[in-house]
Protein backbone atom coordinates (compact mmCIF):
# COMPACT_ATOMS: atom_id res chain seq x y z
CA MET A 1 -7.05 25.75 11.22
CA ALA A 2 -10.29 26.67 9.98
CA LYS A 3 -12.13 29.61 11.34
CA TYR A 4 -15.59 27.76 11.46
CA PRO A 5 -16.40 24.20 12.89
CA ILE A 6 -15.37 20.98 11.13
CA ASN A 7 -17.81 18.44 11.61
CA ASN A 8 -17.54 16.27 8.35
CA ILE A 9 -14.26 15.37 6.37
CA LEU A 10 -14.58 13.59 3.07
CA LEU A 11 -11.63 12.02 1.67
CA PHE A 12 -11.34 10.30 -1.75
CA ASN A 13 -8.86 7.34 -1.98
CA PRO A 14 -8.76 5.57 -5.49
CA TYR A 15 -5.70 3.46 -4.17
CA GLY A 16 -5.16 -0.06 -2.99
CA ILE A 17 -3.11 -1.64 0.16
CA GLY A 18 0.18 0.08 -0.58
CA ASN A 19 -0.79 3.71 -1.01
CA THR A 20 -3.39 3.29 1.81
CA ILE A 21 -0.62 2.31 4.17
CA LEU A 22 1.50 5.37 2.95
CA LEU A 23 -1.71 7.62 3.81
CA ILE A 24 -1.72 6.56 7.51
CA PRO A 25 0.24 9.18 8.78
CA PHE A 26 -1.86 11.80 7.27
CA LEU A 27 -4.96 9.86 8.48
CA ARG A 28 -3.55 10.14 12.11
CA ASN A 29 -2.64 13.52 11.97
CA LEU A 30 -6.10 14.47 10.31
CA ARG A 31 -8.01 12.46 13.33
CA ASP A 32 -5.62 14.42 15.89
CA HIS A 33 -6.45 17.82 14.39
CA TYR A 34 -10.22 17.23 14.22
CA PRO A 35 -10.87 14.69 17.13
CA ASP A 36 -14.72 15.20 16.92
CA ALA A 37 -15.21 15.42 12.99
CA LYS A 38 -16.78 12.68 11.22
CA ILE A 39 -14.17 11.16 8.71
CA GLN A 40 -15.66 9.48 5.64
CA MET A 41 -13.84 7.89 2.64
CA VAL A 42 -14.74 6.77 -0.74
CA ILE A 43 -12.74 3.57 -1.74
CA THR A 44 -12.77 1.86 -4.93
CA GLN A 45 -11.20 -1.59 -3.47
CA ARG A 46 -13.04 -3.17 -0.40
CA VAL A 47 -9.69 -4.39 0.83
CA VAL A 48 -8.76 -1.03 2.01
CA GLU A 49 -11.75 -1.09 4.37
CA ASP A 50 -10.58 -4.47 5.78
CA LEU A 51 -7.06 -3.01 6.01
CA LEU A 52 -8.27 0.19 8.27
CA GLU A 53 -10.60 -1.90 10.36
CA GLY A 54 -9.92 -1.29 13.94
CA GLN A 55 -7.37 1.68 13.61
CA ASP A 56 -10.05 4.16 14.38
CA LEU A 57 -9.18 6.49 11.66
CA ILE A 58 -12.23 6.27 9.31
CA ASP A 59 -16.03 6.38 10.49
CA ILE A 60 -17.79 5.78 7.25
CA PHE A 61 -16.53 3.94 4.16
CA CYS A 62 -18.46 4.39 0.70
CA HIS A 63 -17.56 1.78 -1.98
CA TYR A 64 -17.40 3.31 -5.27
CA GLU A 65 -17.50 0.29 -8.11
CA ASN A 66 -15.18 1.66 -10.78
CA SER A 67 -14.71 -1.29 -13.03
CA SER A 68 -17.05 -0.05 -15.70
CA SER A 69 -15.30 3.13 -16.17
CA PRO A 70 -13.69 3.73 -19.65
CA LYS A 71 -10.18 3.60 -18.05
CA LYS A 72 -10.65 0.19 -16.30
CA ASN A 73 -12.90 -1.49 -19.12
CA ARG A 74 -11.24 -2.28 -22.34
CA SER A 75 -14.55 -3.50 -23.62
CA PHE A 76 -16.63 -0.09 -23.11
CA ASN A 77 -19.80 -0.21 -24.73
CA ILE A 78 -23.40 1.56 -24.30
CA SER A 79 -24.29 -1.01 -21.39
CA ASN A 80 -21.23 -0.11 -19.60
CA LEU A 81 -21.59 3.56 -20.21
CA LYS A 82 -24.99 3.44 -18.51
CA ARG A 83 -23.83 1.41 -15.58
CA TYR A 84 -20.79 3.58 -15.18
CA LEU A 85 -23.09 6.84 -15.51
CA SER A 86 -25.52 5.21 -12.79
CA ARG A 87 -22.53 4.60 -10.34
CA ILE A 88 -21.48 8.02 -10.75
CA SER A 89 -24.73 9.55 -10.21
CA LYS A 90 -25.27 7.49 -6.88
CA LEU A 91 -21.97 8.45 -5.87
CA MET A 92 -22.82 12.01 -6.30
CA VAL A 93 -25.79 11.89 -4.33
CA TRP A 94 -23.83 10.14 -1.26
CA VAL A 95 -21.06 13.09 -1.57
CA LYS A 96 -23.73 15.90 -1.38
CA ARG A 97 -25.20 14.07 1.66
CA SER A 98 -21.78 13.68 3.33
CA ALA A 99 -22.20 17.24 4.04
CA ALA A 100 -18.32 17.95 4.06
CA ASP A 101 -16.81 20.93 5.34
CA ILE A 102 -13.47 19.74 3.95
CA VAL A 103 -12.61 17.49 0.88
CA PHE A 104 -9.24 16.03 0.53
CA ILE A 105 -8.20 14.42 -3.05
CA PRO A 106 -4.78 12.84 -2.62
CA GLU A 107 -3.90 13.00 -6.31
CA GLN A 108 -4.16 15.51 -9.31
CA LEU A 109 -7.94 16.60 -10.05
CA THR A 110 -9.66 15.04 -12.77
CA TRP A 111 -12.93 16.23 -14.41
CA LYS A 112 -14.66 13.47 -12.40
CA THR A 113 -12.98 14.42 -9.09
CA ALA A 114 -13.63 17.98 -9.74
CA LEU A 115 -17.34 17.26 -9.86
CA PHE A 116 -17.08 15.69 -6.61
CA ILE A 117 -15.92 19.01 -4.94
CA LEU A 118 -18.51 21.11 -6.71
CA GLY A 119 -21.08 18.45 -5.76
CA SER A 120 -20.12 18.40 -2.02
CA ARG A 121 -20.27 22.12 -1.69
CA ALA A 122 -17.43 22.05 0.99
CA ARG A 123 -15.90 25.20 1.98
CA LEU A 124 -12.53 23.72 1.73
CA SER A 125 -10.89 21.28 -0.80
CA VAL A 126 -7.55 20.15 -0.99
CA CYS A 127 -5.68 18.38 -3.87
CA GLN A 128 -2.48 17.91 -5.76
CA LYS A 129 -1.63 20.45 -8.05
CA GLY A 130 -1.70 19.15 -11.58
CA ASP A 131 -0.83 20.69 -15.21
CA ASN A 132 -4.57 21.97 -15.77
CA TRP A 133 -4.86 25.61 -15.07
CA PHE A 134 -8.38 25.59 -15.02
CA LEU A 135 -8.92 22.19 -12.72
CA ASP A 136 -6.45 23.66 -10.37
CA LYS A 137 -8.63 26.71 -9.46
CA ILE A 138 -11.56 24.49 -8.37
CA PRO A 139 -10.18 23.42 -5.26
CA SER A 140 -9.63 26.08 -2.47
CA HIS A 141 -5.84 24.79 -2.10
CA SER A 142 -4.01 23.03 -4.95
CA VAL A 143 -0.40 21.68 -3.32
CA SER A 144 2.36 21.24 -5.39
CA VAL A 145 4.07 17.79 -5.37
CA ARG A 146 7.65 18.01 -4.31
CA ASP A 147 10.44 16.15 -6.01
CA GLY A 148 12.92 13.62 -4.07
CA VAL A 149 10.60 13.10 -0.92
CA HIS A 150 8.65 9.94 0.16
CA GLU A 151 5.34 9.62 -0.85
CA VAL A 152 4.15 9.85 2.96
CA GLU A 153 5.47 13.51 2.70
CA TRP A 154 2.89 14.05 -0.34
CA TRP A 155 0.17 13.15 1.57
CA LEU A 156 1.28 15.35 4.58
CA ASP A 157 1.62 18.29 2.44
CA LEU A 158 -2.08 18.19 2.00
CA LEU A 159 -2.55 19.33 5.64
CA ARG A 160 -0.18 22.14 5.62
CA PRO A 161 -2.10 24.69 3.82
CA LEU A 162 -4.93 24.43 6.49
CA GLU A 163 -2.17 25.58 9.01
CA ASN A 164 -2.14 22.40 10.90
CA ASP A 165 1.05 21.46 12.99
CA VAL A 166 1.83 18.25 11.10
CA ARG A 167 3.55 15.54 13.34
CA GLN A 168 6.18 13.46 11.43
CA MET A 169 5.44 9.62 11.71
CA ARG A 170 5.99 6.47 9.84
CA PRO A 171 2.91 4.23 8.77
CA SER A 172 2.03 1.77 11.39
CA LEU A 173 -0.76 -0.51 11.85
CA VAL A 174 -2.54 -1.34 15.22
CA LEU A 175 -2.76 -5.22 15.72
CA SER A 176 -4.55 -7.20 18.12
CA LYS A 177 -2.25 -8.54 20.72
CA GLU A 178 -4.28 -11.80 20.99
CA ASN A 179 -4.03 -12.23 17.21
CA LYS A 180 0.01 -11.52 17.45
CA ASN A 181 0.36 -14.33 20.23
CA TYR A 182 -1.83 -16.65 18.07
CA TRP A 183 0.54 -16.25 15.20
CA ALA A 184 3.77 -16.43 17.37
CA GLU A 185 2.84 -19.77 19.00
CA ARG A 186 1.67 -21.18 15.48
CA TYR A 187 5.03 -20.31 13.98
CA PHE A 188 6.96 -21.82 16.76
CA LYS A 189 5.02 -24.91 16.39
CA MET A 190 5.49 -25.07 12.51
CA GLY A 191 8.96 -23.74 12.37
CA LYS A 192 10.36 -25.82 15.20
CA GLY A 193 12.44 -23.06 16.46
CA ARG A 194 13.75 -21.89 13.03
CA LYS A 195 13.73 -18.33 11.89
CA ILE A 196 10.57 -17.55 10.06
CA ILE A 197 10.95 -15.86 6.59
CA GLY A 198 8.11 -14.11 5.05
CA ILE A 199 7.95 -13.76 0.98
CA HIS A 200 5.87 -12.06 -1.08
CA PRO A 201 6.76 -12.90 -4.97
CA GLY A 202 3.80 -11.05 -6.41
CA CYS A 203 2.11 -7.45 -6.81
CA SER A 204 -1.01 -5.96 -8.52
CA ASN A 205 -1.60 -7.46 -11.79
CA ALA A 206 -1.54 -4.24 -13.34
CA LEU A 207 1.97 -3.76 -12.08
CA HIS A 208 3.27 -7.23 -12.91
CA GLU A 209 6.76 -5.85 -14.18
CA LYS A 210 7.65 -5.05 -10.67
CA ARG A 211 7.76 -8.86 -10.10
CA TRP A 212 11.32 -10.50 -9.37
CA PRO A 213 11.41 -13.71 -11.89
CA VAL A 214 9.86 -16.79 -10.52
CA ASP A 215 13.06 -19.09 -11.01
CA ARG A 216 15.00 -16.71 -8.72
CA TYR A 217 12.40 -16.92 -5.88
CA CYS A 218 12.56 -20.97 -6.31
CA THR A 219 16.60 -20.49 -5.89
CA LEU A 220 16.09 -18.18 -2.87
CA ILE A 221 13.30 -20.46 -1.01
CA LYS A 222 15.43 -23.66 -1.85
CA ALA A 223 18.58 -21.94 -0.18
CA LEU A 224 16.51 -20.62 2.69
CA LYS A 225 15.20 -24.00 3.70
CA GLU A 226 17.77 -26.30 2.80
CA LYS A 227 21.11 -24.37 3.29
CA MET A 228 20.45 -21.75 5.86
CA GLY A 229 17.77 -23.50 7.92
CA PHE A 230 15.15 -21.30 7.96
CA PHE A 231 11.26 -21.51 7.52
CA PRO A 232 9.99 -19.89 4.43
CA ILE A 233 6.27 -18.87 4.09
CA VAL A 234 4.68 -17.31 0.88
CA PHE A 235 2.02 -14.73 1.25
CA GLY A 236 -0.14 -12.78 -1.31
CA GLY A 237 -3.50 -11.93 -2.38
CA PRO A 238 -5.85 -12.73 -5.34
CA ASP A 239 -3.47 -11.21 -7.82
CA ASP A 240 -0.57 -13.18 -6.60
CA ILE A 241 -2.33 -16.90 -7.28
CA ASP A 242 -0.30 -17.11 -10.52
CA VAL A 243 3.11 -16.53 -9.42
CA SER A 244 2.79 -18.79 -6.15
CA ASP A 245 1.35 -21.55 -8.22
CA ALA A 246 4.24 -21.14 -10.52
CA ILE A 247 6.59 -21.47 -7.54
CA MET A 248 4.87 -24.45 -6.42
CA GLN A 249 5.11 -26.14 -9.66
CA LYS A 250 8.93 -25.37 -10.06
CA LEU A 251 10.18 -26.69 -6.67
CA LYS A 252 10.37 -29.96 -5.63
CA ILE A 253 10.51 -29.03 -1.87
CA LYS A 254 7.62 -28.53 0.09
CA PHE A 255 6.85 -24.74 1.82
CA MET A 256 4.08 -23.20 3.74
CA ASN A 257 2.00 -21.11 1.03
CA TYR A 258 -0.66 -18.55 2.38
CA THR A 259 -1.41 -16.98 -0.81
CA ASN A 260 -5.00 -15.74 -1.01
CA ARG A 261 -5.67 -17.85 2.29
CA LEU A 262 -5.84 -15.05 4.73
CA SER A 263 -7.69 -11.76 5.26
CA ILE A 264 -5.54 -8.63 4.86
CA LEU A 265 -5.41 -8.12 8.62
CA ASP A 266 -4.76 -11.71 9.19
CA THR A 267 -1.63 -11.36 6.70
CA ALA A 268 -0.47 -8.25 8.38
CA THR A 269 -0.58 -10.09 11.82
CA ALA A 270 1.20 -13.10 10.18
CA VAL A 271 3.97 -11.05 8.66
CA SER A 272 4.38 -9.17 11.97
CA GLN A 273 5.59 -12.43 13.75
CA CYS A 274 8.16 -13.09 10.82
CA ASP A 275 11.55 -12.46 11.64
CA LEU A 276 12.43 -11.26 8.15
CA PHE A 277 10.29 -10.22 4.75
CA ILE A 278 11.56 -10.47 1.45
CA SER A 279 9.31 -8.47 -1.47
CA ASN A 280 8.98 -6.71 -4.38
CA ASP A 281 7.83 -3.42 -4.29
CA SER A 282 4.30 -4.07 -3.35
CA GLY A 283 1.56 -3.50 -0.85
CA LEU A 284 2.59 -6.14 1.52
CA MET A 285 5.93 -4.77 1.76
CA HIS A 286 4.51 -1.56 3.11
CA VAL A 287 2.51 -3.70 5.29
CA ALA A 288 5.35 -5.33 6.52
CA ALA A 289 7.03 -2.04 7.36
CA SER A 290 4.01 -0.96 9.11
CA VAL A 291 4.17 -3.88 11.46
CA GLY A 292 7.89 -3.39 12.16
CA THR A 293 9.21 -6.63 10.39
CA PRO A 294 12.82 -6.35 8.90
CA ILE A 295 12.67 -5.93 5.06
CA ILE A 296 14.71 -7.02 2.16
CA ALA A 297 12.64 -4.90 -0.72
CA LEU A 298 13.52 -5.75 -4.49
CA PHE A 299 13.07 -2.61 -6.66
CA GLY A 300 13.15 -2.41 -10.38
CA ASP A 301 12.06 0.75 -12.45
CA THR A 302 9.99 2.11 -9.68
CA ASN A 303 11.13 5.33 -7.74
CA VAL A 304 13.04 3.95 -4.32
CA THR A 305 13.02 7.43 -3.04
CA LYS A 306 9.24 7.68 -3.41
CA ASN A 307 8.32 3.88 -2.48
CA SER A 308 10.86 2.71 -0.20
CA PRO A 309 9.74 0.93 2.89
CA LEU A 310 9.80 3.18 5.97
CA ILE A 311 11.63 1.14 8.47
CA THR A 312 15.26 1.36 9.78
CA ASP A 313 15.97 -2.38 9.87
CA SER A 314 15.60 -2.77 6.02
CA VAL A 315 17.93 -3.18 2.72
CA VAL A 316 16.52 -2.10 -0.50
CA LEU A 317 18.22 -3.79 -3.62
CA ASP A 318 17.66 -1.32 -6.42
CA GLY A 319 18.09 -3.20 -9.72
CA GLY A 320 18.31 0.30 -11.51
CA LYS A 321 21.58 0.96 -9.96
CA MET A 322 23.06 -2.55 -10.70
CA ASN A 323 24.94 -3.46 -13.98
CA SER A 324 23.87 -0.17 -15.76
CA GLY A 325 25.22 -1.51 -18.92
CA SER A 326 22.99 -4.69 -19.03
CA LYS A 327 20.13 -5.27 -21.32
CA LEU A 328 18.13 -7.09 -18.74
CA LYS A 329 15.23 -5.14 -17.11
CA ALA A 330 16.03 -3.63 -13.87
CA ILE A 331 14.35 -5.92 -11.39
CA ASP A 332 15.89 -8.80 -13.38
CA ARG A 333 19.48 -7.61 -12.74
CA ILE A 334 19.10 -8.54 -8.94
CA THR A 335 20.38 -11.94 -8.42
CA SER A 336 19.52 -14.71 -5.50
CA GLU A 337 23.10 -14.09 -4.59
CA ASP A 338 22.37 -10.40 -3.96
CA VAL A 339 19.38 -11.20 -1.81
CA LEU A 340 21.22 -14.02 0.45
CA ALA A 341 23.93 -11.43 0.89
CA ALA A 342 21.36 -8.83 2.12
CA ILE A 343 20.19 -11.51 4.51
CA LYS A 344 23.51 -11.96 6.03
CA LEU A 345 23.66 -8.17 6.35
CA ILE A 346 20.60 -7.94 8.36
CA GLN A 347 21.76 -10.70 10.51
CA ASN A 348 25.17 -9.25 11.17
CA ARG A 349 23.44 -6.04 11.92
CA LYS A 350 21.43 -7.98 14.74
CA SER A 351 24.38 -9.68 16.11
CA ALA A 352 26.44 -6.69 16.51
């Protein structure tokens, strides 16, 4: 523990829904260790603030719009450069005013985040260790990234240099009981007693290679509804509109589609009342795990050890380990029959 009072804590979170869910054990430990401190978070996506609403983890959010940065904007020009520098300058002023005693950066340091540490004038700063010797000397603590562990462990490791006792826990979202009851009643009416199967066929546009093929989702949804007697519901956000529209156009049967129709917390609550959730490796997969819904997760080339859903009642289909001689992409090696078999496996577990 620090030898002097910790009144303000600053955390930089450049991530979206999935990684933020995996930060929750770190945040809960942080709140437990420093209950009287003001915890402030810099975010680049407003959905993160919506996701953490009501969790009693963050006191103040600062939204940093980074769409004009050179990495994000392919049409980078003088106008964008001026906008980018202006936003960086405003953020630096906010960082200085945060009066942080500790700064956490849950990634390897860059020149930009190094400026944030220096500008904050914090006594303690913790980030992941990178491969730049000079940058790694700027924070008070650079933490090595361990191989072969889950991402949740990476974030918890950031607390250990401060001699904090770290509690192991899985990510969990606190949801309103009233809202959960609302969705339970709604599903009962819609499904007429049938099991509710949530499906997320998308993921971030930047990571579209993680998507299972549309035609297989169509085959799956049709089988769930017509052969197995389930009530399938498709979920997703703005980045998933294209894939959900493609499924609707190809399927000749009606199904419930909530893509881009619910807030992230309403989506989490609706997913919490599903009997099963089938998803690519995505933010909503981690949301489903955080609310305790059984999951069938479809993985392609991404790291299962690092990214798997942290819930006991799950089946992970790892396309990278299927039919290794195939020329298909790893995610495309997973068949509809594989997913249907996984559903039966989870059903058998429950009936055992």
